Amino acid sequence: MVKRASSKERLQQMAEEAEAGEELKAEKKAKKATTTKKKVAKSVIKREKVVWKIFDASYKEIASFPYSEKDEAFAKLEERKQKKSTTSFFINEVKVPMADDV
């Protein structure tokens, strides 16, 4: 048979539980204060430029032109189409990494 606790005993038990809870909070706070922050690596921005590339049907690169020379790229494409009518050619804008000047 379980003995009933008096109100004085219950109050004392509740006070002890509260003290134990406060001690746990203090320990957690102390642990948080001692942890160090991890160093975050800075992301390197990789610069890219757009160029015009002429490809054949098997995706083999035939020629490459800077973005500003769009007219020359299309002229070369038409020249290739006239020269070899059996092979199909196409042109795409392709992003390529820029060379670092540093």
Protein backbone atom coordinates (compact mmCIF):
# COMPACT_ATOMS: atom_id res chain seq x y z
CA MET A 1 0.00 0.00 0.00
CA VAL A 2 1.26 3.43 -0.95
CA LYS A 3 1.65 5.99 1.75
CA ARG A 4 0.07 9.37 1.01
CA ALA A 5 2.44 12.32 1.26
CA SER A 6 1.50 15.26 3.38
CA SER A 7 1.29 18.69 1.80
CA LYS A 8 4.51 19.68 3.56
CA GLU A 9 6.32 16.72 1.98
CA ARG A 10 4.82 17.46 -1.45
CA LEU A 11 5.96 21.10 -1.27
CA GLN A 12 9.45 19.99 -0.26
CA GLN A 13 9.57 17.49 -3.15
CA MET A 14 8.41 20.15 -5.64
CA ALA A 15 11.10 22.56 -4.38
CA GLU A 16 13.80 19.90 -4.83
CA GLU A 17 12.62 19.18 -8.38
CA ALA A 18 12.69 22.91 -9.19
CA GLU A 19 16.25 23.20 -7.89
CA ALA A 20 17.34 20.21 -9.95
CA GLY A 21 15.74 21.76 -13.05
CA GLU A 22 17.56 25.06 -12.47
CA GLU A 23 20.87 23.20 -12.13
CA LEU A 24 20.28 21.43 -15.46
CA LYS A 25 19.53 24.75 -17.13
CA ALA A 26 22.73 26.25 -15.71
CA GLU A 27 24.76 23.28 -17.00
CA LYS A 28 23.27 23.58 -20.48
CA LYS A 29 23.94 27.31 -20.53
CA ALA A 30 27.55 26.73 -19.49
CA LYS A 31 27.99 24.14 -22.25
CA LYS A 32 26.58 26.52 -24.85
CA ALA A 33 28.96 29.26 -23.78
CA THR A 34 32.01 27.01 -24.15
CA THR A 35 31.26 25.81 -27.67
CA THR A 36 33.15 27.50 -30.47
CA LYS A 37 31.77 28.54 -33.80
CA LYS A 38 32.81 26.59 -36.84
CA LYS A 39 34.67 28.47 -39.50
CA VAL A 40 32.53 28.93 -42.55
CA ALA A 41 34.44 28.69 -45.79
CA LYS A 42 33.87 31.64 -48.06
CA SER A 43 32.33 30.60 -51.30
CA VAL A 44 34.49 31.50 -54.24
CA ILE A 45 32.56 33.21 -56.99
CA LYS A 46 33.48 31.56 -60.24
CA ARG A 47 33.08 33.98 -63.08
CA GLU A 48 31.81 32.74 -66.41
CA LYS A 49 31.48 34.25 -69.83
CA VAL A 50 29.19 33.33 -72.71
CA VAL A 51 30.61 32.27 -76.06
CA TRP A 52 29.05 31.05 -79.31
CA LYS A 53 30.05 27.50 -80.21
CA ILE A 54 29.33 25.65 -83.44
CA PHE A 55 28.73 21.89 -83.09
CA ASP A 56 28.15 19.08 -85.54
CA ALA A 57 25.51 16.35 -85.17
CA SER A 58 27.70 14.32 -82.79
CA TYR A 59 28.23 17.37 -80.51
CA LYS A 60 31.83 17.76 -81.58
CA GLU A 61 32.90 21.39 -81.22
CA ILE A 62 33.79 22.90 -84.58
CA ALA A 63 34.42 26.56 -83.74
CA SER A 64 34.09 29.03 -80.87
CA PHE A 65 33.45 32.80 -81.00
CA PRO A 66 33.22 35.48 -78.29
CA TYR A 67 29.69 36.63 -77.47
CA SER A 68 30.19 39.98 -79.20
CA GLU A 69 30.99 38.23 -82.52
CA LYS A 70 27.53 36.73 -83.03
CA ASP A 71 27.33 37.71 -86.71
CA GLU A 72 30.65 36.06 -87.51
CA ALA A 73 29.55 32.89 -85.73
CA PHE A 74 26.34 32.64 -87.75
CA ALA A 75 28.25 33.39 -90.96
CA LYS A 76 30.66 30.54 -90.20
CA LEU A 77 27.67 28.28 -89.46
CA GLU A 78 26.11 29.02 -92.84
CA GLU A 79 29.47 28.47 -94.54
CA ARG A 80 29.77 25.04 -92.89
CA LYS A 81 26.23 24.14 -93.94
CA GLN A 82 26.96 25.09 -97.56
CA LYS A 83 30.28 23.23 -97.59
CA LYS A 84 28.94 19.92 -96.19
CA SER A 85 25.26 19.55 -96.93
CA THR A 86 25.03 15.99 -95.57
CA THR A 87 26.20 16.91 -92.07
CA SER A 88 24.01 19.02 -89.82
CA PHE A 89 25.52 21.83 -87.74
CA PHE A 90 24.05 24.02 -85.03
CA ILE A 91 25.11 26.88 -82.79
CA ASN A 92 24.70 27.30 -79.02
CA GLU A 93 25.48 29.84 -76.35
CA VAL A 94 27.81 28.15 -73.86
CA LYS A 95 29.05 29.43 -70.50
CA VAL A 96 32.77 28.88 -69.98
CA PRO A 97 34.91 29.83 -66.96
CA MET A 98 36.81 33.08 -67.31
CA ALA A 99 40.58 33.03 -67.08
CA ASP A 100 41.84 34.64 -63.90
CA ASP A 101 43.95 37.74 -64.46
CA VAL A 102 45.34 37.65 -60.91
